[in-house]
Amino acid sequence: MAKRAGRVSSPSQGDFGITANFGGNWLCEGGSVSYDGKYWIATCTYTHSPSKNGWDEDLYKDEID
């Protein structure tokens, strides 16, 4: 999660066609990891930027080291 936070990326489960219909891109703002007693659950919170260029790729590079 730490490597994905603060970077431009697409939600892994899809975006319900939002990007295709409105343009822009998604920014992962961070998330959490929790244990439910049987499985580890990782969640990531995304924010969509509907502007033509989306989130600034120079500031929020889509690369995971």
C-alpha atoms as a PDB file:
ATOM      1  CA  MET A   1       0.000   0.000   0.000  1.00  0.00           C
ATOM      2  CA  ALA A   2       2.839   2.385   0.805  1.00  0.00           C
ATOM      3  CA  LYS A   3       4.223   2.054  -2.739  1.00  0.00           C
ATOM      4  CA  ARG A   4       0.839   2.757  -4.359  1.00  0.00           C
ATOM      5  CA  ALA A   5      -0.255   5.726  -2.209  1.00  0.00           C
ATOM      6  CA  GLY A   6       0.162   9.143  -3.792  1.00  0.00           C
ATOM      7  CA  ARG A   7       0.436   7.768  -7.322  1.00  0.00           C
ATOM      8  CA  VAL A   8      -1.771   7.918 -10.397  1.00  0.00           C
ATOM      9  CA  SER A   9      -3.305   4.507 -11.032  1.00  0.00           C
ATOM     10  CA  SER A  10      -6.608   2.884 -11.872  1.00  0.00           C
ATOM     11  CA  PRO A  11      -8.802   1.115  -9.325  1.00  0.00           C
ATOM     12  CA  SER A  12      -8.050  -2.601  -9.573  1.00  0.00           C
ATOM     13  CA  GLN A  13     -11.755  -3.519  -9.605  1.00  0.00           C
ATOM     14  CA  GLY A  14     -12.608  -0.978 -12.327  1.00  0.00           C
ATOM     15  CA  ASP A  15     -14.186   2.467 -12.237  1.00  0.00           C
ATOM     16  CA  PHE A  16     -17.716   1.791 -13.552  1.00  0.00           C
ATOM     17  CA  GLY A  17     -16.852   3.532 -16.834  1.00  0.00           C
ATOM     18  CA  ILE A  18     -16.203   6.904 -15.206  1.00  0.00           C
ATOM     19  CA  THR A  19     -12.882   7.526 -16.995  1.00  0.00           C
ATOM     20  CA  ALA A  20     -14.312   6.434 -20.358  1.00  0.00           C
ATOM     21  CA  ASN A  21     -17.307   8.765 -19.988  1.00  0.00           C
ATOM     22  CA  PHE A  22     -15.729  11.786 -18.312  1.00  0.00           C
ATOM     23  CA  GLY A  23     -11.962  11.520 -18.931  1.00  0.00           C
ATOM     24  CA  GLY A  24      -9.356  12.318 -16.338  1.00  0.00           C
ATOM     25  CA  ASN A  25      -7.577   9.790 -14.155  1.00  0.00           C
ATOM     26  CA  TRP A  26      -7.400   8.385 -10.624  1.00  0.00           C
ATOM     27  CA  LEU A  27      -5.079   9.067  -7.678  1.00  0.00           C
ATOM     28  CA  CYS A  28      -4.585   6.532  -4.882  1.00  0.00           C
ATOM     29  CA  GLU A  29      -4.719   8.573  -1.685  1.00  0.00           C
ATOM     30  CA  GLY A  30      -3.656   5.758   0.599  1.00  0.00           C
ATOM     31  CA  GLY A  31      -5.432   2.952   2.305  1.00  0.00           C
ATOM     32  CA  SER A  32      -5.288   0.399   5.037  1.00  0.00           C
ATOM     33  CA  VAL A  33      -4.614  -3.244   5.742  1.00  0.00           C
ATOM     34  CA  SER A  34      -6.675  -5.133   8.302  1.00  0.00           C
ATOM     35  CA  TYR A  35      -7.162  -8.727   9.415  1.00  0.00           C
ATOM     36  CA  ASP A  36     -10.696 -10.112   9.642  1.00  0.00           C
ATOM     37  CA  GLY A  37      -9.741 -13.245  11.565  1.00  0.00           C
ATOM     38  CA  LYS A  38      -9.187 -15.329   8.433  1.00  0.00           C
ATOM     39  CA  TYR A  39      -7.929 -13.022   5.675  1.00  0.00           C
ATOM     40  CA  TRP A  40      -5.825  -9.901   5.333  1.00  0.00           C
ATOM     41  CA  ILE A  41      -7.902  -7.173   3.651  1.00  0.00           C
ATOM     42  CA  ALA A  42      -6.160  -4.321   1.794  1.00  0.00           C
ATOM     43  CA  THR A  43      -8.160  -1.277   0.711  1.00  0.00           C
ATOM     44  CA  CYS A  44      -7.109   1.774  -1.257  1.00  0.00           C
ATOM     45  CA  THR A  45      -9.011   5.061  -1.470  1.00  0.00           C
ATOM     46  CA  TYR A  46      -9.072   6.654  -4.924  1.00  0.00           C
ATOM     47  CA  THR A  47     -10.015  10.169  -5.993  1.00  0.00           C
ATOM     48  CA  HIS A  48     -10.988  10.958  -9.584  1.00  0.00           C
ATOM     49  CA  SER A  49      -9.839  14.101 -11.354  1.00  0.00           C
ATOM     50  CA  PRO A  50     -12.318  14.838 -14.138  1.00  0.00           C
ATOM     51  CA  SER A  51     -10.208  17.565 -15.742  1.00  0.00           C
ATOM     52  CA  LYS A  52      -8.975  16.995 -19.295  1.00  0.00           C
ATOM     53  CA  ASN A  53      -5.422  16.247 -18.147  1.00  0.00           C
ATOM     54  CA  GLY A  54      -6.320  14.599 -14.830  1.00  0.00           C
ATOM     55  CA  TRP A  55      -3.833  14.476 -11.980  1.00  0.00           C
ATOM     56  CA  ASP A  56      -0.424  15.951 -12.855  1.00  0.00           C
ATOM     57  CA  GLU A  57       1.686  12.976 -13.936  1.00  0.00           C
ATOM     58  CA  ASP A  58       4.891  14.868 -13.057  1.00  0.00           C
ATOM     59  CA  LEU A  59       3.813  15.091  -9.417  1.00  0.00           C
ATOM     60  CA  TYR A  60       2.038  11.727  -9.096  1.00  0.00           C
ATOM     61  CA  LYS A  61       4.011   9.356 -11.302  1.00  0.00           C
ATOM     62  CA  ASP A  62       2.457   5.985 -12.160  1.00  0.00           C
ATOM     63  CA  GLU A  63       5.466   3.915 -11.302  1.00  0.00           C
ATOM     64  CA  ILE A  64       5.922   1.557  -8.406  1.00  0.00           C
ATOM     65  CA  ASP A  65       9.520   0.953  -7.310  1.00  0.00           C
END
